[in-house]
Amino acid sequence: MMEELKNMDGGGLQQRLEQLREEQFKLRFQHATGQLENTARMRKVRRDIARVKTVMNEKRKQAE
């Protein structure tokens, strides 16, 4: 997962971050309405968002 993210460019990372945030929103909505069956997915998405942000920050620092 991390190698895949590190090979992405800035636009690809931003797009992946937006996808994950949208998925996180949908999961929160399902959880609130009692429709969410796999609660572990919320944790995985949250961690994936953190991974993407970490790679974005690393790339930003390298550019400076």
C-alpha atoms as a PDB file:
ATOM      1  CA  MET A   1       0.000   0.000   0.000  1.00  0.00           C
ATOM      2  CA  MET A   2       2.688   2.505   0.993  1.00  0.00           C
ATOM      3  CA  GLU A   3       4.881   1.740  -2.030  1.00  0.00           C
ATOM      4  CA  GLU A   4       1.861   2.244  -4.270  1.00  0.00           C
ATOM      5  CA  LEU A   5       1.153   5.612  -2.657  1.00  0.00           C
ATOM      6  CA  LYS A   6       4.781   6.724  -2.823  1.00  0.00           C
ATOM      7  CA  ASN A   7       4.813   6.092  -6.579  1.00  0.00           C
ATOM      8  CA  MET A   8       1.757   8.322  -7.148  1.00  0.00           C
ATOM      9  CA  ASP A   9       2.062  11.972  -8.131  1.00  0.00           C
ATOM     10  CA  GLY A  10       0.439  14.838  -6.209  1.00  0.00           C
ATOM     11  CA  GLY A  11      -2.753  14.788  -8.264  1.00  0.00           C
ATOM     12  CA  GLY A  12      -3.190  11.054  -7.823  1.00  0.00           C
ATOM     13  CA  LEU A  13      -2.717  11.353  -4.082  1.00  0.00           C
ATOM     14  CA  GLN A  14      -5.237  14.174  -3.867  1.00  0.00           C
ATOM     15  CA  GLN A  15      -7.761  12.139  -5.851  1.00  0.00           C
ATOM     16  CA  ARG A  16      -7.221   9.090  -3.604  1.00  0.00           C
ATOM     17  CA  LEU A  17      -7.664  11.270  -0.516  1.00  0.00           C
ATOM     18  CA  GLU A  18     -10.971  12.599  -1.841  1.00  0.00           C
ATOM     19  CA  GLN A  19     -12.181   9.054  -2.578  1.00  0.00           C
ATOM     20  CA  LEU A  20     -11.298   7.907   0.925  1.00  0.00           C
ATOM     21  CA  ARG A  21     -12.989  10.897   2.547  1.00  0.00           C
ATOM     22  CA  GLU A  22     -16.141  10.240   0.526  1.00  0.00           C
ATOM     23  CA  GLU A  23     -16.081   6.591   1.573  1.00  0.00           C
ATOM     24  CA  GLN A  24     -15.552   7.644   5.187  1.00  0.00           C
ATOM     25  CA  PHE A  25     -18.590   9.925   4.987  1.00  0.00           C
ATOM     26  CA  LYS A  26     -20.739   7.109   3.601  1.00  0.00           C
ATOM     27  CA  LEU A  27     -19.528   4.707   6.278  1.00  0.00           C
ATOM     28  CA  ARG A  28     -20.320   7.216   9.029  1.00  0.00           C
ATOM     29  CA  PHE A  29     -23.793   7.680   7.606  1.00  0.00           C
ATOM     30  CA  GLN A  30     -24.366   3.915   7.465  1.00  0.00           C
ATOM     31  CA  HIS A  31     -23.103   3.567  11.030  1.00  0.00           C
ATOM     32  CA  ALA A  32     -25.441   6.290  12.271  1.00  0.00           C
ATOM     33  CA  THR A  33     -28.445   4.649  10.623  1.00  0.00           C
ATOM     34  CA  GLY A  34     -27.514   1.175  11.857  1.00  0.00           C
ATOM     35  CA  GLN A  35     -26.862  -0.228   8.384  1.00  0.00           C
ATOM     36  CA  LEU A  36     -23.105  -0.722   8.715  1.00  0.00           C
ATOM     37  CA  GLU A  37     -22.170  -4.387   9.070  1.00  0.00           C
ATOM     38  CA  ASN A  38     -18.364  -4.176   8.826  1.00  0.00           C
ATOM     39  CA  THR A  39     -17.291  -1.621  11.417  1.00  0.00           C
ATOM     40  CA  ALA A  40     -13.622  -2.518  10.898  1.00  0.00           C
ATOM     41  CA  ARG A  41     -13.848  -0.850   7.492  1.00  0.00           C
ATOM     42  CA  MET A  42     -14.213   2.544   9.221  1.00  0.00           C
ATOM     43  CA  ARG A  43     -10.896   2.006  10.992  1.00  0.00           C
ATOM     44  CA  LYS A  44      -9.156   0.899   7.791  1.00  0.00           C
ATOM     45  CA  VAL A  45     -10.377   3.933   5.854  1.00  0.00           C
ATOM     46  CA  ARG A  46      -9.287   6.283   8.629  1.00  0.00           C
ATOM     47  CA  ARG A  47      -5.808   4.764   8.609  1.00  0.00           C
ATOM     48  CA  ASP A  48      -5.621   4.877   4.816  1.00  0.00           C
ATOM     49  CA  ILE A  49      -6.419   8.604   4.952  1.00  0.00           C
ATOM     50  CA  ALA A  50      -3.561   9.061   7.408  1.00  0.00           C
ATOM     51  CA  ARG A  51      -1.226   7.128   5.113  1.00  0.00           C
ATOM     52  CA  VAL A  52      -2.097   9.294   2.125  1.00  0.00           C
ATOM     53  CA  LYS A  53      -1.600  12.476   4.157  1.00  0.00           C
ATOM     54  CA  THR A  54       1.759  11.193   5.391  1.00  0.00           C
ATOM     55  CA  VAL A  55       2.987  10.547   1.851  1.00  0.00           C
ATOM     56  CA  MET A  56       1.710  13.949   0.724  1.00  0.00           C
ATOM     57  CA  ASN A  57       3.629  15.649   3.556  1.00  0.00           C
ATOM     58  CA  GLU A  58       6.794  13.692   2.749  1.00  0.00           C
ATOM     59  CA  LYS A  59       6.594  14.742  -0.897  1.00  0.00           C
ATOM     60  CA  ARG A  60       5.964  18.357   0.072  1.00  0.00           C
ATOM     61  CA  LYS A  61       9.009  18.379   2.357  1.00  0.00           C
ATOM     62  CA  GLN A  62      11.196  16.836  -0.361  1.00  0.00           C
ATOM     63  CA  ALA A  63      10.108  19.558  -2.788  1.00  0.00           C
ATOM     64  CA  GLU A  64      11.198  22.301  -0.382  1.00  0.00           C
END
